Amino acid sequence: MAGIYIHIPFCASRCIYCDFYSTTTVSLQDQYTEALCKEMELRKHYLSDLQADLQDPTVIDTLYFGGGTPSQLSADNFRKIFQSLQQKIFSHPHYRLSPHPEITVECNPDDITSELLHTLKSLSVNRISMGVQTFSDERLKFLRRRHTSQEVYHAIDLIHQHEIDNISIDLIFGFPKQTLAEWEEDLQQAINLDVQHISAYSLMYEEGTPLYKMLTTNKVEEIDEKLSLAMFNTLIDTMVNNGFEHYEISNFAKPNHRSQHNSSYWKNTPYLGLGVAAHSYNLSSRQWNVSHIKKYIQSLSNNEVPAEIEPLDDTTRYNDLIATALRTKEGICLDRLDTINKEFLLKQAQKHLEQQTLMINNGCLSLTREGIFISDSIMADLIKV
């Protein structure tokens, strides 16, 4: 099995916390779509190489449009991309599209219209991931989000009307001066939306973002660690008590509604990344495209993919496993490791097993609830340097 990720970098405006590659130069949308379709042609063998010695084709079971803001893409360009996927990849003899693929498009609430949903539905999109972030209009303005809380409810209603019944929303907690009660209110409103998946993240002050500059110039102040921990505890309790499975550090799903695409990243599943700044993985190497839209478009016009490639050695594979699989509920299945790496991992994990921040269950090493709160430091202890 394998997945395909397509990066759509366009945003009508930039949020103050975002460090993903994006651009507000929406006039490049048509040229960018042409470049994307050209990249599909040039890289159509990327995943087929996995099955070079086998008769069975590689099954593509997830397709994910991320950004940026994919919902900024025009209907015509969405159709061109899907048509190109069909002609250049899904029709390739070494590939087979799963009979029931998970096809996700990230959307902003204020972009959700009947016209957009009609287009997505006609293209077999069956999952919407929506950046809600908070139900406080004051905090939305602080983030420089374009939507209001009321537009979230309207968007959810429209999605339901168009019979797309797999909806994920993103939430953020830990705003400057945010109280625990305010976070509890956000969570309750999220539960009331009756969505199938919720991702929740602590507000991060990433270097190079406007939010980071606000922090370093003392215009905002981070919440203290004790309150942040209380918010995370509240998040877990609220989600679990309302029927969500806590299957990854920041992700919660109703039964049978885990994000299959994101899960592939944590399960060592190969994927092809298309578009500016997109990453790819084919078991033997990682590849990432240039993070500059004009350079990306220009290179593809010359039939060149502007990318860097990193071959993977044993140490890198081991460290990748720690950074991905350990984030999940299942953790790291020790049988996946050779004897040397298994012995190293268990030695490094010993103190955390004794402190009950790690546990071994059914042959898998995983974080305990206490371990989730200090997962970064645990992973730092487990990796090879």
Protein backbone atom coordinates (compact mmCIF):
# COMPACT_ATOMS: atom_id res chain seq x y z
CA MET A 1 0.00 0.00 0.00
CA ALA A 2 1.03 3.61 -0.52
CA GLY A 3 -0.31 7.16 -0.34
CA ILE A 4 -0.12 10.35 -2.34
CA TYR A 5 0.20 13.81 -0.82
CA ILE A 6 -0.45 16.94 -2.92
CA HIS A 7 0.61 20.31 -1.57
CA ILE A 8 -1.58 23.28 -2.49
CA PRO A 9 0.32 26.31 -1.14
CA PHE A 10 -2.17 29.10 -1.75
CA CYS A 11 -3.62 31.13 1.13
CA ALA A 12 -5.75 34.27 0.99
CA SER A 13 -3.83 35.44 4.06
CA ARG A 14 -1.22 33.98 6.41
CA CYS A 15 -1.89 33.05 10.02
CA ILE A 16 0.61 34.32 12.56
CA TYR A 17 1.62 30.86 13.83
CA CYS A 18 2.01 28.93 10.55
CA ASP A 19 5.43 27.70 9.44
CA PHE A 20 4.23 25.46 6.59
CA TYR A 21 5.21 26.61 3.12
CA SER A 22 2.48 28.81 1.65
CA THR A 23 2.04 31.85 -0.56
CA THR A 24 -0.59 34.53 -1.02
CA THR A 25 0.31 34.87 -4.72
CA VAL A 26 -2.89 33.23 -5.91
CA SER A 27 -2.33 34.52 -9.46
CA LEU A 28 0.09 31.59 -9.93
CA GLN A 29 -2.63 28.98 -9.39
CA ASP A 30 -3.06 27.96 -13.03
CA GLN A 31 0.70 27.75 -13.67
CA TYR A 32 1.15 25.79 -10.47
CA THR A 33 -1.51 23.27 -11.48
CA GLU A 34 0.25 22.71 -14.79
CA ALA A 35 3.54 22.17 -12.95
CA LEU A 36 1.87 19.67 -10.60
CA CYS A 37 0.56 17.67 -13.54
CA LYS A 38 4.00 17.73 -15.13
CA GLU A 39 5.55 16.43 -11.90
CA MET A 40 3.09 13.52 -11.93
CA GLU A 41 4.34 12.60 -15.39
CA LEU A 42 8.00 12.82 -14.40
CA ARG A 43 7.59 10.90 -11.15
CA LYS A 44 4.97 8.33 -12.08
CA HIS A 45 7.46 5.50 -11.47
CA TYR A 46 8.40 6.65 -7.95
CA LEU A 47 6.13 4.22 -6.11
CA SER A 48 5.96 1.60 -8.85
CA ASP A 49 9.63 0.84 -8.19
CA LEU A 50 8.52 -0.71 -4.90
CA GLN A 51 6.93 -3.56 -6.82
CA ALA A 52 9.56 -3.95 -9.56
CA ASP A 53 10.01 -7.66 -8.85
CA LEU A 54 6.40 -8.47 -8.04
CA GLN A 55 3.36 -9.15 -10.18
CA ASP A 56 0.95 -7.33 -7.85
CA PRO A 57 0.69 -3.55 -8.39
CA THR A 58 1.21 -0.99 -5.64
CA VAL A 59 -2.17 -0.13 -4.13
CA ILE A 60 -2.81 3.59 -3.62
CA ASP A 61 -5.19 3.74 -0.69
CA THR A 62 -4.93 7.37 0.46
CA LEU A 63 -4.86 10.72 -1.31
CA TYR A 64 -4.38 13.89 0.73
CA PHE A 65 -4.56 17.54 -0.36
CA GLY A 66 -2.74 19.68 2.21
CA GLY A 67 -1.49 23.21 2.33
CA GLY A 68 -1.63 26.08 2.39
CA THR A 69 -5.33 26.14 1.79
CA PRO A 70 -6.44 23.55 -0.80
CA SER A 71 -9.99 24.91 -0.67
CA GLN A 72 -8.62 28.02 -2.42
CA LEU A 73 -8.12 25.92 -5.56
CA SER A 74 -10.58 26.55 -8.39
CA ALA A 75 -12.98 23.83 -9.53
CA ASP A 76 -11.26 23.67 -12.92
CA ASN A 77 -7.87 23.13 -11.33
CA PHE A 78 -9.21 20.46 -8.97
CA ARG A 79 -10.60 18.64 -12.00
CA LYS A 80 -7.32 18.98 -13.92
CA ILE A 81 -5.37 17.49 -11.02
CA PHE A 82 -7.73 14.53 -10.60
CA GLN A 83 -7.76 13.92 -14.34
CA SER A 84 -3.97 13.95 -14.40
CA LEU A 85 -3.82 11.54 -11.45
CA GLN A 86 -6.11 9.17 -13.30
CA GLN A 87 -4.20 9.35 -16.57
CA LYS A 88 -0.63 9.37 -15.27
CA ILE A 89 -0.73 7.39 -12.04
CA PHE A 90 -3.92 5.42 -11.39
CA SER A 91 -3.88 4.06 -14.97
CA HIS A 92 -0.24 3.04 -14.70
CA PRO A 93 0.10 -0.78 -14.94
CA HIS A 94 2.16 -0.90 -11.72
CA TYR A 95 -0.50 0.92 -9.66
CA ARG A 96 -4.00 0.16 -8.53
CA LEU A 97 -6.31 2.61 -6.79
CA SER A 98 -7.95 1.01 -3.78
CA PRO A 99 -11.68 0.28 -4.23
CA HIS A 100 -12.35 2.47 -1.18
CA PRO A 101 -9.56 5.04 -0.93
CA GLU A 102 -9.52 7.74 1.71
CA ILE A 103 -9.45 11.05 -0.19
CA THR A 104 -8.97 14.10 2.04
CA VAL A 105 -9.02 17.81 1.26
CA GLU A 106 -8.05 20.43 3.83
CA CYS A 107 -10.48 23.35 3.88
CA ASN A 108 -11.00 26.65 5.62
CA PRO A 109 -14.52 27.08 7.03
CA ASP A 110 -15.14 30.29 5.07
CA ASP A 111 -14.25 28.52 1.79
CA ILE A 112 -16.94 25.89 2.23
CA THR A 113 -19.71 26.48 -0.30
CA SER A 114 -22.20 24.24 -2.03
CA GLU A 115 -20.27 24.77 -5.26
CA LEU A 116 -16.98 23.62 -3.70
CA LEU A 117 -18.57 20.60 -2.06
CA HIS A 118 -20.34 19.63 -5.28
CA THR A 119 -16.98 19.69 -7.07
CA LEU A 120 -15.24 17.65 -4.35
CA LYS A 121 -18.07 15.14 -4.16
CA SER A 122 -18.00 14.68 -7.94
CA LEU A 123 -14.28 13.86 -7.65
CA SER A 124 -14.93 11.20 -4.97
CA VAL A 125 -13.50 13.24 -2.10
CA ASN A 126 -14.84 11.54 1.03
CA ARG A 127 -13.06 13.29 3.89
CA ILE A 128 -12.80 16.98 4.84
CA SER A 129 -10.17 18.25 7.25
CA MET A 130 -11.06 21.72 8.49
CA GLY A 131 -8.94 24.22 10.40
CA VAL A 132 -11.31 25.42 13.14
CA GLN A 133 -8.59 26.20 15.74
CA THR A 134 -10.95 27.85 18.26
CA PHE A 135 -14.57 28.92 18.67
CA SER A 136 -13.58 32.29 20.13
CA ASP A 137 -13.85 35.07 17.56
CA GLU A 138 -11.38 37.08 19.62
CA ARG A 139 -8.76 34.35 19.45
CA LEU A 140 -9.46 33.77 15.75
CA LYS A 141 -8.69 37.44 15.10
CA PHE A 142 -5.52 37.09 17.16
CA LEU A 143 -4.41 34.22 14.89
CA ARG A 144 -5.44 36.29 11.82
CA ARG A 145 -7.77 33.54 10.74
CA ARG A 146 -10.28 34.61 8.06
CA HIS A 147 -13.30 32.75 9.40
CA THR A 148 -15.64 33.34 12.33
CA SER A 149 -17.03 30.76 14.72
CA GLN A 150 -20.45 31.06 13.09
CA GLU A 151 -18.97 30.10 9.73
CA VAL A 152 -17.74 26.83 11.29
CA TYR A 153 -21.31 25.74 12.08
CA HIS A 154 -22.49 26.76 8.61
CA ALA A 155 -19.63 24.82 6.99
CA ILE A 156 -20.37 21.66 8.99
CA ASP A 157 -24.06 21.86 8.02
CA LEU A 158 -23.17 22.19 4.34
CA ILE A 159 -20.75 19.27 4.48
CA HIS A 160 -23.43 17.08 6.06
CA GLN A 161 -25.96 18.21 3.44
CA HIS A 162 -23.58 17.00 0.73
CA GLU A 163 -23.31 13.63 2.48
CA ILE A 164 -19.61 13.76 3.27
CA ASP A 165 -19.69 12.00 6.61
CA ASN A 166 -16.00 11.86 7.51
CA ILE A 167 -15.06 15.25 8.97
CA SER A 168 -11.92 16.15 10.88
CA ILE A 169 -11.27 19.44 12.63
CA ASP A 170 -8.10 21.00 14.04
CA LEU A 171 -8.05 22.77 17.40
CA ILE A 172 -5.39 24.84 19.15
CA PHE A 173 -5.00 25.37 22.90
CA GLY A 174 -2.59 27.36 25.03
CA PHE A 175 -3.35 30.85 23.74
CA PRO A 176 -1.86 33.75 25.71
CA LYS A 177 -4.15 34.43 28.70
CA GLN A 178 -6.46 31.53 27.79
CA THR A 179 -8.07 29.91 30.81
CA LEU A 180 -8.80 26.24 31.39
CA ALA A 181 -12.53 27.03 31.40
CA GLU A 182 -12.23 28.67 27.96
CA TRP A 183 -10.47 25.57 26.61
CA GLU A 184 -13.17 23.35 28.10
CA GLU A 185 -15.77 25.46 26.27
CA ASP A 186 -13.90 25.06 22.97
CA LEU A 187 -13.81 21.29 23.47
CA GLN A 188 -17.51 21.10 24.25
CA GLN A 189 -18.40 23.06 21.13
CA ALA A 190 -16.17 20.75 19.09
CA ILE A 191 -17.95 17.71 20.53
CA ASN A 192 -21.32 19.27 19.71
CA LEU A 193 -20.36 19.46 16.02
CA ASP A 194 -20.64 15.67 15.77
CA VAL A 195 -17.43 15.23 13.77
CA GLN A 196 -15.52 11.98 13.45
CA HIS A 197 -11.95 13.14 14.06
CA ILE A 198 -10.28 15.88 16.10
CA SER A 199 -6.63 16.93 16.07
CA ALA A 200 -5.53 19.26 18.86
CA TYR A 201 -2.21 21.02 19.26
CA SER A 202 -0.61 23.36 21.75
CA LEU A 203 0.07 26.80 20.24
CA MET A 204 3.65 26.71 19.01
CA TYR A 205 5.97 29.68 18.68
CA GLU A 206 7.93 28.63 15.59
CA GLU A 207 10.98 30.70 14.75
CA GLY A 208 10.40 32.91 11.72
CA THR A 209 6.67 33.33 12.27
CA PRO A 210 4.97 36.61 13.28
CA LEU A 211 3.88 34.90 16.50
CA TYR A 212 7.48 34.12 17.41
CA LYS A 213 8.41 37.77 16.85
CA MET A 214 5.55 38.81 19.12
CA LEU A 215 6.92 36.50 21.81
CA THR A 216 10.50 37.74 21.54
CA THR A 217 9.39 41.39 21.66
CA ASN A 218 7.26 40.72 24.76
CA LYS A 219 3.96 41.46 23.02
CA VAL A 220 2.59 38.10 24.10
CA GLU A 221 3.48 35.65 26.84
CA GLU A 222 3.28 31.85 26.77
CA ILE A 223 1.01 30.15 29.25
CA ASP A 224 2.82 28.37 32.06
CA GLU A 225 3.69 24.68 31.86
CA LYS A 226 1.29 23.67 34.64
CA LEU A 227 -1.70 25.18 32.82
CA SER A 228 -0.61 23.68 29.51
CA LEU A 229 -0.45 20.24 31.15
CA ALA A 230 -3.90 20.74 32.65
CA MET A 231 -5.27 21.66 29.22
CA PHE A 232 -3.75 18.53 27.67
CA ASN A 233 -5.16 16.36 30.45
CA THR A 234 -8.57 17.93 29.91
CA LEU A 235 -8.28 17.30 26.18
CA ILE A 236 -7.60 13.58 26.67
CA ASP A 237 -10.34 13.09 29.28
CA THR A 238 -12.94 14.98 27.25
CA MET A 239 -12.20 13.13 24.03
CA VAL A 240 -12.13 9.67 25.60
CA ASN A 241 -15.29 10.32 27.63
CA ASN A 242 -17.08 11.28 24.41
CA GLY A 243 -16.22 8.15 22.48
CA PHE A 244 -13.00 9.19 20.76
CA GLU A 245 -9.97 6.92 20.59
CA HIS A 246 -6.70 8.61 21.53
CA TYR A 247 -4.67 6.88 18.83
CA GLU A 248 -1.77 9.33 18.41
CA ILE A 249 -0.37 12.04 20.67
CA SER A 250 -2.43 14.84 19.09
CA ASN A 251 -5.15 12.85 17.32
CA PHE A 252 -8.53 11.47 18.39
CA ALA A 253 -10.97 9.47 16.29
CA LYS A 254 -14.40 7.95 16.54
CA PRO A 255 -14.35 4.16 15.91
CA ASN A 256 -13.10 3.31 12.39
CA HIS A 257 -12.29 6.95 11.62
CA ARG A 258 -8.55 7.23 12.18
CA SER A 259 -6.80 9.34 9.54
CA GLN A 260 -5.52 6.60 7.26
CA HIS A 261 -3.21 8.94 5.40
CA ASN A 262 -1.52 10.40 8.48
CA SER A 263 -1.33 6.92 10.00
CA SER A 264 0.75 5.86 7.00
CA TYR A 265 3.45 8.32 8.08
CA TRP A 266 3.61 6.66 11.50
CA LYS A 267 3.53 3.12 10.08
CA ASN A 268 6.43 3.34 7.62
CA THR A 269 4.14 3.31 4.58
CA PRO A 270 5.62 4.75 1.35
CA TYR A 271 4.11 7.91 -0.11
CA LEU A 272 4.61 10.19 -3.07
CA GLY A 273 4.61 13.91 -2.31
CA LEU A 274 3.73 16.23 -5.18
CA GLY A 275 4.03 19.99 -5.25
CA VAL A 276 6.22 22.71 -3.85
CA ALA A 277 7.87 21.72 -0.52
CA ALA A 278 6.26 18.26 -0.63
CA HIS A 279 8.11 15.29 0.88
CA SER A 280 8.22 11.72 -0.44
CA TYR A 281 9.36 8.40 1.02
CA ASN A 282 9.94 5.10 -0.80
CA LEU A 283 11.49 2.93 1.96
CA SER A 284 15.06 3.52 0.76
CA SER A 285 15.23 7.34 0.68
CA ARG A 286 13.43 10.57 1.46
CA GLN A 287 12.95 13.31 -1.09
CA TRP A 288 11.69 16.86 -0.75
CA ASN A 289 10.87 19.49 -3.32
CA VAL A 290 12.15 23.05 -3.25
CA SER A 291 10.23 25.43 -0.98
CA HIS A 292 9.87 28.21 -3.56
CA ILE A 293 6.88 28.27 -5.87
CA LYS A 294 8.47 30.19 -8.75
CA LYS A 295 11.54 27.92 -8.74
CA TYR A 296 9.22 24.91 -8.62
CA ILE A 297 7.17 26.10 -11.61
CA GLN A 298 10.25 27.09 -13.61
CA SER A 299 12.00 23.76 -13.03
CA LEU A 300 8.96 21.72 -14.07
CA SER A 301 8.60 23.83 -17.21
CA ASN A 302 12.09 22.53 -18.05
CA ASN A 303 11.08 18.94 -17.26
CA GLU A 304 13.12 18.89 -14.08
CA VAL A 305 11.94 18.03 -10.56
CA PRO A 306 13.55 20.52 -8.15
CA ALA A 307 14.24 18.14 -5.27
CA GLU A 308 16.87 16.92 -2.83
CA ILE A 309 17.25 13.25 -1.93
CA GLU A 310 18.51 11.70 1.31
CA PRO A 311 19.41 7.99 1.23
CA LEU A 312 18.48 6.26 4.48
CA ASP A 313 20.98 4.27 6.53
CA ASP A 314 20.28 2.02 9.49
CA THR A 315 20.66 4.78 12.07
CA THR A 316 18.29 7.11 10.23
CA ARG A 317 15.70 4.36 9.86
CA TYR A 318 15.91 3.58 13.56
CA ASN A 319 15.59 7.23 14.58
CA ASP A 320 12.67 7.70 12.19
CA LEU A 321 10.92 4.76 13.84
CA ILE A 322 11.34 6.35 17.27
CA ALA A 323 10.01 9.71 16.05
CA THR A 324 6.96 8.24 14.32
CA ALA A 325 5.78 4.92 15.71
CA LEU A 326 6.27 5.95 19.32
CA ARG A 327 3.71 8.72 18.81
CA THR A 328 0.97 6.15 18.29
CA LYS A 329 -1.21 4.21 20.68
CA GLU A 330 0.32 0.94 19.51
CA GLY A 331 3.90 2.16 19.83
CA ILE A 332 6.93 0.30 18.46
CA CYS A 333 6.53 -3.41 17.82
CA LEU A 334 9.86 -4.80 19.01
CA ASP A 335 9.75 -7.59 16.45
CA ARG A 336 10.29 -4.95 13.74
CA LEU A 337 13.80 -4.37 15.05
CA ASP A 338 16.90 -6.42 14.49
CA THR A 339 18.75 -7.74 17.53
CA ILE A 340 21.24 -4.87 17.80
CA ASN A 341 18.63 -2.09 17.56
CA LYS A 342 16.24 -3.94 19.86
CA GLU A 343 18.90 -4.31 22.55
CA PHE A 344 19.86 -0.64 22.20
CA LEU A 345 16.25 0.50 22.44
CA LEU A 346 15.46 -1.59 25.52
CA LYS A 347 18.64 -0.39 27.25
CA GLN A 348 17.79 3.27 26.55
CA ALA A 349 14.17 2.70 27.57
CA GLN A 350 14.95 1.02 30.88
CA LYS A 351 14.77 4.10 33.11
CA HIS A 352 11.51 5.17 31.49
CA LEU A 353 10.05 1.71 32.01
CA GLU A 354 11.02 1.94 35.67
CA GLN A 355 9.48 5.42 35.90
CA GLN A 356 6.35 4.11 34.14
CA THR A 357 6.51 6.66 31.36
CA LEU A 358 7.02 3.78 28.92
CA MET A 359 5.43 0.34 28.96
CA ILE A 360 5.66 -2.91 27.02
CA ASN A 361 2.36 -4.49 26.06
CA ASN A 362 1.88 -7.37 23.60
CA GLY A 363 5.46 -7.04 22.45
CA CYS A 364 5.21 -3.31 21.73
CA LEU A 365 6.92 -0.42 23.48
CA SER A 366 4.61 2.57 23.94
CA LEU A 367 4.14 5.75 25.92
CA THR A 368 2.05 5.69 29.07
CA ARG A 369 -0.22 8.64 29.71
CA GLU A 370 2.46 10.19 31.90
CA GLY A 371 4.96 9.56 29.12
CA ILE A 372 2.90 11.43 26.56
CA PHE A 373 3.47 14.65 28.50
CA ILE A 374 7.26 14.30 28.19
CA SER A 375 7.37 12.47 24.87
CA ASP A 376 9.98 14.78 23.33
CA SER A 377 12.51 14.12 26.09
CA ILE A 378 11.80 10.37 26.01
CA MET A 379 12.39 10.24 22.26
CA ALA A 380 15.60 12.21 22.71
CA ASP A 381 16.80 9.49 25.12
CA LEU A 382 15.92 6.69 22.70
CA ILE A 383 17.44 7.95 19.44
CA LYS A 384 20.98 7.31 18.23
CA VAL A 385 23.20 10.38 17.97
